[in-house]
C-alpha atoms as a PDB file:
ATOM      1  CA  MET A   1       0.000   0.000   0.000  1.00  0.00           C
ATOM      2  CA  LYS A   2       1.198   3.524  -0.736  1.00  0.00           C
ATOM      3  CA  ILE A   3       0.592   5.906   2.166  1.00  0.00           C
ATOM      4  CA  ALA A   4       1.552   9.494   2.911  1.00  0.00           C
ATOM      5  CA  MET A   5       2.715  10.318   6.433  1.00  0.00           C
ATOM      6  CA  ILE A   6       2.292  13.969   7.417  1.00  0.00           C
ATOM      7  CA  GLY A   7       4.051  14.788  10.663  1.00  0.00           C
ATOM      8  CA  LEU A   8       7.423  13.184  11.322  1.00  0.00           C
ATOM      9  CA  GLY A   9       7.843  13.683  15.046  1.00  0.00           C
ATOM     10  CA  LYS A  10       8.600  10.964  17.579  1.00  0.00           C
ATOM     11  CA  MET A  11       5.593   8.890  16.555  1.00  0.00           C
ATOM     12  CA  GLY A  12       5.353   9.733  12.871  1.00  0.00           C
ATOM     13  CA  LEU A  13       8.944   8.887  12.012  1.00  0.00           C
ATOM     14  CA  ASN A  14       8.711   5.564  13.843  1.00  0.00           C
ATOM     15  CA  LEU A  15       5.481   4.769  12.007  1.00  0.00           C
ATOM     16  CA  VAL A  16       7.238   5.468   8.713  1.00  0.00           C
ATOM     17  CA  GLU A  17       9.873   2.879   9.580  1.00  0.00           C
ATOM     18  CA  ASN A  18       7.194   0.391  10.657  1.00  0.00           C
ATOM     19  CA  LEU A  19       5.195   0.886   7.463  1.00  0.00           C
ATOM     20  CA  LEU A  20       8.272   0.495   5.272  1.00  0.00           C
ATOM     21  CA  ARG A  21       9.322  -2.658   7.120  1.00  0.00           C
ATOM     22  CA  ASN A  22       5.912  -4.133   6.334  1.00  0.00           C
ATOM     23  CA  ASN A  23       6.204  -3.635   2.581  1.00  0.00           C
ATOM     24  CA  ASN A  24       4.318  -0.362   2.263  1.00  0.00           C
ATOM     25  CA  GLU A  25       5.472   2.599   0.218  1.00  0.00           C
ATOM     26  CA  VAL A  26       5.575   5.867   2.155  1.00  0.00           C
ATOM     27  CA  VAL A  27       5.579   9.495   1.040  1.00  0.00           C
ATOM     28  CA  ALA A  28       6.830  11.576   3.981  1.00  0.00           C
ATOM     29  CA  PHE A  29       6.271  15.259   4.709  1.00  0.00           C
ATOM     30  CA  ASP A  30       6.940  17.602   7.616  1.00  0.00           C
ATOM     31  CA  LEU A  31       7.671  21.315   7.929  1.00  0.00           C
ATOM     32  CA  ASN A  32      10.946  20.275   9.590  1.00  0.00           C
ATOM     33  CA  LYS A  33      13.319  19.493   6.735  1.00  0.00           C
ATOM     34  CA  GLU A  34      15.657  17.492   8.968  1.00  0.00           C
ATOM     35  CA  SER A  35      12.807  15.124   9.818  1.00  0.00           C
ATOM     36  CA  VAL A  36      11.969  14.764   6.124  1.00  0.00           C
ATOM     37  CA  ALA A  37      15.601  13.920   5.429  1.00  0.00           C
ATOM     38  CA  LYS A  38      15.550  11.238   8.152  1.00  0.00           C
ATOM     39  CA  ALA A  39      12.460   9.689   6.570  1.00  0.00           C
ATOM     40  CA  GLY A  40      14.253   9.690   3.244  1.00  0.00           C
ATOM     41  CA  GLN A  41      17.190   7.875   4.808  1.00  0.00           C
ATOM     42  CA  LEU A  42      14.775   5.196   6.011  1.00  0.00           C
ATOM     43  CA  GLY A  43      13.630   4.644   2.435  1.00  0.00           C
ATOM     44  CA  ALA A  44      10.555   6.842   2.173  1.00  0.00           C
ATOM     45  CA  ALA A  45       9.853   9.113  -0.759  1.00  0.00           C
ATOM     46  CA  THR A  46       9.888  12.732   0.412  1.00  0.00           C
ATOM     47  CA  ALA A  47       7.669  15.700  -0.414  1.00  0.00           C
ATOM     48  CA  THR A  48       8.097  19.460  -0.219  1.00  0.00           C
ATOM     49  CA  ASP A  49       4.465  20.415   0.462  1.00  0.00           C
ATOM     50  CA  LEU A  50       0.951  18.949   0.563  1.00  0.00           C
ATOM     51  CA  ASP A  51       0.482  19.262  -3.187  1.00  0.00           C
ATOM     52  CA  ASP A  52       3.684  17.310  -3.748  1.00  0.00           C
ATOM     53  CA  VAL A  53       2.447  14.690  -1.268  1.00  0.00           C
ATOM     54  CA  LEU A  54      -0.818  14.164  -3.129  1.00  0.00           C
ATOM     55  CA  ASN A  55       0.817  14.143  -6.539  1.00  0.00           C
ATOM     56  CA  GLN A  56       2.935  11.150  -5.503  1.00  0.00           C
ATOM     57  CA  LEU A  57       0.036   8.993  -4.310  1.00  0.00           C
ATOM     58  CA  ASP A  58      -2.041   6.412  -6.138  1.00  0.00           C
ATOM     59  CA  THR A  59      -5.851   6.392  -6.294  1.00  0.00           C
ATOM     60  CA  PRO A  60      -7.496   6.297  -3.826  1.00  0.00           C
ATOM     61  CA  LYS A  61      -5.000   8.515  -2.056  1.00  0.00           C
ATOM     62  CA  ILE A  62      -4.283   7.483   1.544  1.00  0.00           C
ATOM     63  CA  VAL A  63      -2.966  10.223   3.843  1.00  0.00           C
ATOM     64  CA  TRP A  64      -2.049   9.597   7.485  1.00  0.00           C
ATOM     65  CA  SER A  65      -1.716  12.674   9.712  1.00  0.00           C
ATOM     66  CA  MET A  66       0.390  12.413  12.883  1.00  0.00           C
ATOM     67  CA  LEU A  67       0.240  16.020  14.021  1.00  0.00           C
ATOM     68  CA  PRO A  68      -0.424  17.580  17.447  1.00  0.00           C
ATOM     69  CA  ALA A  69      -4.094  17.850  18.361  1.00  0.00           C
ATOM     70  CA  GLY A  70      -5.811  21.186  17.891  1.00  0.00           C
ATOM     71  CA  LYS A  71      -4.757  23.879  15.450  1.00  0.00           C
ATOM     72  CA  PRO A  72      -2.059  21.928  13.504  1.00  0.00           C
ATOM     73  CA  THR A  73      -4.466  19.051  12.844  1.00  0.00           C
ATOM     74  CA  ASP A  74      -7.418  21.362  12.155  1.00  0.00           C
ATOM     75  CA  GLU A  75      -5.523  23.428   9.601  1.00  0.00           C
ATOM     76  CA  THR A  76      -4.067  20.397   7.839  1.00  0.00           C
ATOM     77  CA  ILE A  77      -7.394  18.569   7.582  1.00  0.00           C
ATOM     78  CA  ASN A  78      -9.161  21.713   6.358  1.00  0.00           C
ATOM     79  CA  THR A  79      -6.497  22.159   3.675  1.00  0.00           C
ATOM     80  CA  LEU A  80      -6.576  18.508   2.624  1.00  0.00           C
ATOM     81  CA  ALA A  81     -10.374  18.627   2.411  1.00  0.00           C
ATOM     82  CA  GLN A  82      -9.937  21.134  -0.420  1.00  0.00           C
ATOM     83  CA  LYS A  83      -7.209  19.175  -2.187  1.00  0.00           C
ATOM     84  CA  MET A  84      -8.220  15.512  -1.873  1.00  0.00           C
ATOM     85  CA  SER A  85     -10.782  13.816  -4.107  1.00  0.00           C
ATOM     86  CA  SER A  86     -13.916  11.743  -3.679  1.00  0.00           C
ATOM     87  CA  GLY A  87     -13.059   8.263  -2.426  1.00  0.00           C
ATOM     88  CA  ASP A  88      -9.710   9.249  -0.922  1.00  0.00           C
ATOM     89  CA  ILE A  89      -8.815   8.258   2.645  1.00  0.00           C
ATOM     90  CA  LEU A  90      -7.580  10.497   5.466  1.00  0.00           C
ATOM     91  CA  ILE A  91      -6.401   9.048   8.795  1.00  0.00           C
ATOM     92  CA  ASP A  92      -5.858  11.170  11.905  1.00  0.00           C
ATOM     93  CA  GLY A  93      -3.524   9.141  14.124  1.00  0.00           C
ATOM     94  CA  GLY A  94      -2.771  11.924  16.609  1.00  0.00           C
ATOM     95  CA  ASN A  95      -4.271  12.422  20.052  1.00  0.00           C
ATOM     96  CA  SER A  96      -7.221  14.468  18.827  1.00  0.00           C
ATOM     97  CA  PHE A  97     -10.285  15.089  20.983  1.00  0.00           C
ATOM     98  CA  PHE A  98     -13.073  12.817  19.731  1.00  0.00           C
ATOM     99  CA  GLU A  99     -15.472  15.741  19.232  1.00  0.00           C
ATOM    100  CA  ASP A 100     -12.893  17.315  16.907  1.00  0.00           C
ATOM    101  CA  SER A 101     -12.825  14.030  15.004  1.00  0.00           C
ATOM    102  CA  LEU A 102     -16.614  14.105  14.666  1.00  0.00           C
ATOM    103  CA  ARG A 103     -16.309  17.608  13.233  1.00  0.00           C
ATOM    104  CA  HIS A 104     -13.500  16.582  10.876  1.00  0.00           C
ATOM    105  CA  ASN A 105     -15.591  13.657   9.668  1.00  0.00           C
ATOM    106  CA  GLU A 106     -18.477  15.968   8.759  1.00  0.00           C
ATOM    107  CA  ILE A 107     -16.140  18.300   6.828  1.00  0.00           C
ATOM    108  CA  LEU A 108     -14.659  15.418   4.843  1.00  0.00           C
ATOM    109  CA  LYS A 109     -17.967  13.628   4.354  1.00  0.00           C
ATOM    110  CA  GLU A 110     -19.198  16.611   2.340  1.00  0.00           C
ATOM    111  CA  LYS A 111     -16.354  15.899  -0.112  1.00  0.00           C
ATOM    112  CA  ASN A 112     -16.978  12.114   0.015  1.00  0.00           C
ATOM    113  CA  ILE A 113     -13.519  11.681   1.558  1.00  0.00           C
ATOM    114  CA  ASN A 114     -13.267   8.727   3.949  1.00  0.00           C
ATOM    115  CA  PHE A 115     -12.123   9.792   7.425  1.00  0.00           C
ATOM    116  CA  PHE A 116     -10.646   7.433  10.022  1.00  0.00           C
ATOM    117  CA  ASP A 117      -9.600   8.425  13.540  1.00  0.00           C
ATOM    118  CA  ALA A 118      -6.859   6.108  14.774  1.00  0.00           C
ATOM    119  CA  GLY A 119      -6.018   6.188  18.454  1.00  0.00           C
ATOM    120  CA  THR A 120      -2.384   5.107  18.667  1.00  0.00           C
ATOM    121  CA  SER A 121      -0.875   3.475  21.764  1.00  0.00           C
ATOM    122  CA  GLY A 122       2.361   1.725  22.658  1.00  0.00           C
ATOM    123  CA  GLY A 123       4.605   4.777  22.636  1.00  0.00           C
ATOM    124  CA  MET A 124       7.512   5.220  20.257  1.00  0.00           C
ATOM    125  CA  SER A 125       8.481   1.529  20.391  1.00  0.00           C
ATOM    126  CA  GLY A 126       4.927   0.555  19.442  1.00  0.00           C
ATOM    127  CA  ALA A 127       4.882   3.019  16.577  1.00  0.00           C
ATOM    128  CA  ASN A 128       8.102   1.439  15.338  1.00  0.00           C
ATOM    129  CA  LYS A 129       7.021  -2.184  15.773  1.00  0.00           C
ATOM    130  CA  ASP A 130       3.995  -4.124  17.043  1.00  0.00           C
ATOM    131  CA  GLY A 131       1.876  -1.086  17.844  1.00  0.00           C
ATOM    132  CA  ASN A 132      -1.655  -0.764  19.184  1.00  0.00           C
ATOM    133  CA  PHE A 133      -4.373   1.020  17.240  1.00  0.00           C
ATOM    134  CA  MET A 134      -8.052   1.849  17.843  1.00  0.00           C
ATOM    135  CA  ILE A 135      -9.624   2.921  14.551  1.00  0.00           C
ATOM    136  CA  GLY A 136     -12.997   4.579  14.000  1.00  0.00           C
ATOM    137  CA  GLY A 137     -14.545   5.389  10.633  1.00  0.00           C
ATOM    138  CA  ASP A 138     -17.959   5.314   9.006  1.00  0.00           C
ATOM    139  CA  SER A 139     -17.076   2.803   6.272  1.00  0.00           C
ATOM    140  CA  LYS A 140     -16.035  -0.670   7.423  1.00  0.00           C
ATOM    141  CA  GLU A 141     -15.946  -1.689   3.774  1.00  0.00           C
ATOM    142  CA  VAL A 142     -13.248   0.896   3.017  1.00  0.00           C
ATOM    143  CA  PHE A 143     -11.390  -0.057   6.203  1.00  0.00           C
ATOM    144  CA  ASP A 144     -11.396  -3.762   5.345  1.00  0.00           C
ATOM    145  CA  LYS A 145     -10.316  -3.211   1.748  1.00  0.00           C
ATOM    146  CA  TYR A 146      -7.576  -0.623   2.170  1.00  0.00           C
ATOM    147  CA  LEU A 147      -6.544  -0.197   5.808  1.00  0.00           C
ATOM    148  CA  LYS A 148      -6.975  -3.582   7.485  1.00  0.00           C
ATOM    149  CA  PRO A 149      -3.942  -5.096   5.693  1.00  0.00           C
ATOM    150  CA  VAL A 150      -1.855  -2.091   6.775  1.00  0.00           C
ATOM    151  CA  PHE A 151      -2.777  -2.371  10.462  1.00  0.00           C
ATOM    152  CA  GLU A 152      -2.364  -6.147  10.443  1.00  0.00           C
ATOM    153  CA  GLY A 153       1.248  -5.576   9.450  1.00  0.00           C
ATOM    154  CA  ILE A 154       2.217  -2.763  11.801  1.00  0.00           C
ATOM    155  CA  ALA A 155       0.239  -3.774  14.902  1.00  0.00           C
ATOM    156  CA  GLN A 156       0.987  -6.437  17.460  1.00  0.00           C
ATOM    157  CA  LYS A 157      -1.099  -9.592  17.040  1.00  0.00           C
ATOM    158  CA  ASP A 158      -4.628  -8.662  18.200  1.00  0.00           C
ATOM    159  CA  GLY A 159      -3.299  -5.126  18.662  1.00  0.00           C
ATOM    160  CA  TYR A 160      -5.721  -3.254  16.422  1.00  0.00           C
ATOM    161  CA  LEU A 161      -9.486  -2.851  16.504  1.00  0.00           C
ATOM    162  CA  TYR A 162     -11.958  -1.294  14.086  1.00  0.00           C
ATOM    163  CA  THR A 163     -14.230   0.399  16.608  1.00  0.00           C
ATOM    164  CA  GLY A 164     -17.155   1.528  14.465  1.00  0.00           C
ATOM    165  CA  LYS A 165     -18.311   4.941  13.359  1.00  0.00           C
ATOM    166  CA  ALA A 166     -16.057   7.996  13.131  1.00  0.00           C
ATOM    167  CA  GLY A 167     -14.970   9.415  16.471  1.00  0.00           C
ATOM    168  CA  SER A 168     -15.056   6.057  18.234  1.00  0.00           C
ATOM    169  CA  GLY A 169     -11.328   5.427  17.780  1.00  0.00           C
ATOM    170  CA  HIS A 170     -10.252   8.630  19.497  1.00  0.00           C
ATOM    171  CA  TYR A 171     -12.961   8.200  22.146  1.00  0.00           C
ATOM    172  CA  LEU A 172     -11.555   4.773  23.024  1.00  0.00           C
ATOM    173  CA  LYS A 173      -8.007   6.137  23.084  1.00  0.00           C
ATOM    174  CA  MET A 174      -9.153   8.976  25.360  1.00  0.00           C
ATOM    175  CA  VAL A 175     -10.532   6.521  27.914  1.00  0.00           C
ATOM    176  CA  HIS A 176      -7.418   4.359  27.518  1.00  0.00           C
ATOM    177  CA  ASN A 177      -5.284   7.349  28.473  1.00  0.00           C
ATOM    178  CA  GLY A 178      -7.490   8.081  31.469  1.00  0.00           C
ATOM    179  CA  ILE A 179      -6.844   4.530  32.681  1.00  0.00           C
ATOM    180  CA  GLU A 180      -3.145   5.017  31.973  1.00  0.00           C
ATOM    181  CA  TYR A 181      -3.115   8.100  34.217  1.00  0.00           C
ATOM    182  CA  GLY A 182      -4.548   6.101  37.109  1.00  0.00           C
ATOM    183  CA  MET A 183      -2.165   3.160  36.649  1.00  0.00           C
ATOM    184  CA  MET A 184       0.912   5.374  36.556  1.00  0.00           C
ATOM    185  CA  GLN A 185      -0.276   7.286  39.597  1.00  0.00           C
ATOM    186  CA  ALA A 186      -0.718   4.065  41.616  1.00  0.00           C
ATOM    187  CA  ILE A 187       2.760   2.836  40.658  1.00  0.00           C
ATOM    188  CA  ALA A 188       4.276   6.205  41.532  1.00  0.00           C
ATOM    189  CA  GLU A 189       2.528   6.428  44.895  1.00  0.00           C
ATOM    190  CA  GLY A 190       3.726   2.938  45.807  1.00  0.00           C
ATOM    191  CA  PHE A 191       7.329   3.883  45.152  1.00  0.00           C
ATOM    192  CA  ASP A 192       6.800   7.092  47.104  1.00  0.00           C
ATOM    193  CA  VAL A 193       5.758   5.055  50.162  1.00  0.00           C
ATOM    194  CA  LEU A 194       8.872   2.900  49.773  1.00  0.00           C
ATOM    195  CA  GLU A 195      11.021   6.023  49.455  1.00  0.00           C
ATOM    196  CA  HIS A 196       9.705   7.396  52.754  1.00  0.00           C
ATOM    197  CA  GLY A 197       9.621   4.069  54.638  1.00  0.00           C
ATOM    198  CA  GLN A 198      12.149   2.667  57.087  1.00  0.00           C
ATOM    199  CA  PHE A 199      13.726   0.145  54.698  1.00  0.00           C
ATOM    200  CA  ASP A 200      16.389   0.791  52.068  1.00  0.00           C
ATOM    201  CA  TYR A 201      15.123  -0.645  48.782  1.00  0.00           C
ATOM    202  CA  ASP A 202      16.816  -0.794  45.408  1.00  0.00           C
ATOM    203  CA  ASN A 203      14.037   0.682  43.263  1.00  0.00           C
ATOM    204  CA  GLU A 204      15.294  -0.967  40.085  1.00  0.00           C
ATOM    205  CA  ALA A 205      15.347  -4.381  41.791  1.00  0.00           C
ATOM    206  CA  VAL A 206      11.856  -3.818  43.201  1.00  0.00           C
ATOM    207  CA  ALA A 207      10.489  -2.894  39.779  1.00  0.00           C
ATOM    208  CA  LYS A 208      12.197  -5.959  38.313  1.00  0.00           C
ATOM    209  CA  VAL A 209      10.718  -8.415  40.798  1.00  0.00           C
ATOM    210  CA  TRP A 210       7.277  -6.823  40.438  1.00  0.00           C
ATOM    211  CA  SER A 211       7.621  -7.226  36.660  1.00  0.00           C
ATOM    212  CA  ASN A 212       8.082 -10.982  36.919  1.00  0.00           C
ATOM    213  CA  GLY A 213       5.067 -12.983  38.049  1.00  0.00           C
ATOM    214  CA  SER A 214       3.436 -10.472  40.390  1.00  0.00           C
ATOM    215  CA  VAL A 215      -0.180  -9.360  40.119  1.00  0.00           C
ATOM    216  CA  ILE A 216       0.969  -5.830  39.197  1.00  0.00           C
ATOM    217  CA  ARG A 217       3.420  -6.872  36.483  1.00  0.00           C
ATOM    218  CA  GLY A 218       3.198  -5.118  33.131  1.00  0.00           C
ATOM    219  CA  TRP A 219       4.893  -2.770  30.678  1.00  0.00           C
ATOM    220  CA  LEU A 220       4.673   0.274  32.939  1.00  0.00           C
ATOM    221  CA  MET A 221       6.508  -1.637  35.662  1.00  0.00           C
ATOM    222  CA  GLU A 222       9.155  -2.662  33.145  1.00  0.00           C
ATOM    223  CA  LEU A 223       9.516   0.989  32.199  1.00  0.00           C
ATOM    224  CA  ALA A 224       9.887   1.883  35.875  1.00  0.00           C
ATOM    225  CA  GLN A 225      12.756  -0.599  36.082  1.00  0.00           C
ATOM    226  CA  SER A 226      14.337   0.986  33.016  1.00  0.00           C
ATOM    227  CA  ALA A 227      14.020   4.483  34.476  1.00  0.00           C
ATOM    228  CA  PHE A 228      15.499   3.465  37.846  1.00  0.00           C
ATOM    229  CA  SER A 229      18.393   1.698  36.090  1.00  0.00           C
ATOM    230  CA  LYS A 230      19.423   5.079  34.673  1.00  0.00           C
ATOM    231  CA  ASP A 231      18.820   7.167  37.797  1.00  0.00           C
ATOM    232  CA  ALA A 232      18.311   5.121  40.974  1.00  0.00           C
ATOM    233  CA  LYS A 233      16.583   7.898  42.934  1.00  0.00           C
ATOM    234  CA  LEU A 234      15.470   9.982  39.935  1.00  0.00           C
ATOM    235  CA  ASP A 235      17.612  12.777  41.323  1.00  0.00           C
ATOM    236  CA  GLU A 236      18.278  14.213  37.874  1.00  0.00           C
ATOM    237  CA  ILE A 237      14.692  15.154  37.084  1.00  0.00           C
ATOM    238  CA  LYS A 238      11.943  17.222  38.632  1.00  0.00           C
ATOM    239  CA  GLY A 239       8.669  15.633  39.675  1.00  0.00           C
ATOM    240  CA  VAL A 240       6.675  17.776  37.258  1.00  0.00           C
ATOM    241  CA  MET A 241       4.013  15.654  35.543  1.00  0.00           C
ATOM    242  CA  HIS A 242       2.989  17.202  32.236  1.00  0.00           C
ATOM    243  CA  SER A 243      -0.127  15.934  30.481  1.00  0.00           C
ATOM    244  CA  SER A 244      -1.417  15.807  26.916  1.00  0.00           C
ATOM    245  CA  GLY A 245      -5.009  16.520  27.930  1.00  0.00           C
ATOM    246  CA  GLU A 246      -6.610  13.130  27.277  1.00  0.00           C
ATOM    247  CA  GLY A 247      -6.978  12.300  30.970  1.00  0.00           C
ATOM    248  CA  LYS A 248      -8.763  15.608  31.470  1.00  0.00           C
ATOM    249  CA  TRP A 249     -11.038  14.852  28.515  1.00  0.00           C
ATOM    250  CA  THR A 250     -11.856  11.462  30.035  1.00  0.00           C
ATOM    251  CA  LEU A 251     -12.769  13.088  33.349  1.00  0.00           C
ATOM    252  CA  GLU A 252     -14.911  15.719  31.618  1.00  0.00           C
ATOM    253  CA  GLU A 253     -16.752  13.010  29.691  1.00  0.00           C
ATOM    254  CA  ALA A 254     -17.268  10.987  32.889  1.00  0.00           C
ATOM    255  CA  LEU A 255     -18.735  14.044  34.605  1.00  0.00           C
ATOM    256  CA  LYS A 256     -21.021  14.654  31.628  1.00  0.00           C
ATOM    257  CA  LEU A 257     -22.213  11.030  31.770  1.00  0.00           C
ATOM    258  CA  GLN A 258     -22.325  11.051  35.595  1.00  0.00           C
ATOM    259  CA  VAL A 259     -19.972   8.065  35.747  1.00  0.00           C
ATOM    260  CA  PRO A 260     -17.802   8.059  38.902  1.00  0.00           C
ATOM    261  CA  THR A 261     -14.074   7.881  38.093  1.00  0.00           C
ATOM    262  CA  PRO A 262     -12.342   8.722  41.392  1.00  0.00           C
ATOM    263  CA  VAL A 263      -8.974   7.137  40.502  1.00  0.00           C
ATOM    264  CA  ILE A 264      -8.662   8.942  37.168  1.00  0.00           C
ATOM    265  CA  SER A 265      -9.879  12.164  38.794  1.00  0.00           C
ATOM    266  CA  ALA A 266      -7.294  11.941  41.581  1.00  0.00           C
ATOM    267  CA  SER A 267      -4.489  11.182  39.134  1.00  0.00           C
ATOM    268  CA  ILE A 268      -5.305  14.331  37.158  1.00  0.00           C
ATOM    269  CA  MET A 269      -5.417  16.436  40.315  1.00  0.00           C
ATOM    270  CA  MET A 270      -1.991  15.094  41.262  1.00  0.00           C
ATOM    271  CA  ARG A 271      -0.599  16.173  37.909  1.00  0.00           C
ATOM    272  CA  TYR A 272      -1.798  19.693  38.583  1.00  0.00           C
ATOM    273  CA  ARG A 273      -0.324  19.429  42.091  1.00  0.00           C
ATOM    274  CA  SER A 274       3.040  18.470  40.627  1.00  0.00           C
ATOM    275  CA  MET A 275       3.248  21.754  38.754  1.00  0.00           C
ATOM    276  CA  GLU A 276       3.526  23.576  42.081  1.00  0.00           C
ATOM    277  CA  ASP A 277       6.151  21.577  43.955  1.00  0.00           C
ATOM    278  CA  ASP A 278       8.491  18.614  43.549  1.00  0.00           C
ATOM    279  CA  THR A 279       7.368  15.134  44.681  1.00  0.00           C
ATOM    280  CA  PHE A 280       8.830  11.664  44.256  1.00  0.00           C
ATOM    281  CA  THR A 281       5.454  10.564  42.896  1.00  0.00           C
ATOM    282  CA  GLY A 282       5.852  13.208  40.216  1.00  0.00           C
ATOM    283  CA  LYS A 283       9.356  12.004  39.425  1.00  0.00           C
ATOM    284  CA  VAL A 284       8.146   8.432  38.817  1.00  0.00           C
ATOM    285  CA  VAL A 285       5.267   9.468  36.527  1.00  0.00           C
ATOM    286  CA  ALA A 286       7.530  11.902  34.642  1.00  0.00           C
ATOM    287  CA  ALA A 287      10.102   9.131  34.194  1.00  0.00           C
ATOM    288  CA  LEU A 288       7.471   6.660  32.973  1.00  0.00           C
ATOM    289  CA  ARG A 289       6.107   9.157  30.406  1.00  0.00           C
ATOM    290  CA  ASN A 290       9.639   9.739  29.155  1.00  0.00           C
ATOM    291  CA  GLU A 291      10.299   5.997  28.901  1.00  0.00           C
ATOM    292  CA  PHE A 292       7.249   5.049  26.831  1.00  0.00           C
ATOM    293  CA  GLY A 293       6.598   8.189  24.830  1.00  0.00           C
ATOM    294  CA  GLY A 294       9.800  10.175  24.853  1.00  0.00           C
ATOM    295  CA  HIS A 295       7.895  12.969  26.581  1.00  0.00           C
ATOM    296  CA  ALA A 296      10.061  15.753  27.925  1.00  0.00           C
ATOM    297  CA  VAL A 297      11.151  15.789  31.560  1.00  0.00           C
ATOM    298  CA  ASP A 298      12.209  18.866  33.496  1.00  0.00           C
ATOM    299  CA  LYS A 299      15.816  18.481  34.639  1.00  0.00           C
ATOM    300  CA  LYS A 300      17.037  19.858  37.911  1.00  0.00           C
END
């Protein structure tokens, strides 16, 4: 399959490599010329602007956007709506708010352009290999014919799901991230108790033993082990926990639906708390976000 990738940041560039490895052709574009050059080195065809992108694609044209949510995605989709043709396919794989995806779908539907919102999980390593994808879109027929073979190649086994109508992919990813907030917060608070307790634990060793056979084993615990192996007490970073907004969106949706989500709510409040002062809990969550997503940490 020939696919354009617009947005060659941490996730986009890794997805390019994943797509190429799975026998897809990729046309890569980003405003950052260095990123475009890196995609070219991986074997992708490169483009200088959106017109050049579209001119290099087959029919139906398949364009995958991996841009930050909000204005960058809005502007790009609005521009592509004017340039793409009936029957073409546009995928938004960024962390867009699901209501924005509903709006984007309506804009593109007027042009008979097929819109798919693909919630993308697994961090940079997942984007590069064996990722996890939650994909909404109004046409299952188009998904099955053109996109299913692509996701079967780049996702982990059983690691992709067509979720139904447009907006449902980003909605599912939003709730996924809300759960992620709560899980990271629980892990961080546990290590904070250990840090203040009377015993002298090796945090890396603790994370390792908890990763092997315990009830709380999992990828986040493995990432905790990785973080502690580099900085045993996380002394090099501040406990400032930045957020992308999806946890907040999950909480707002829960409030709208009157569904109690006390764990997710508390985890979001703790992120706001971390902006005011340094905590070991904040250090652990910041380290975990850096490990799986390459998210920035504030150094001391």
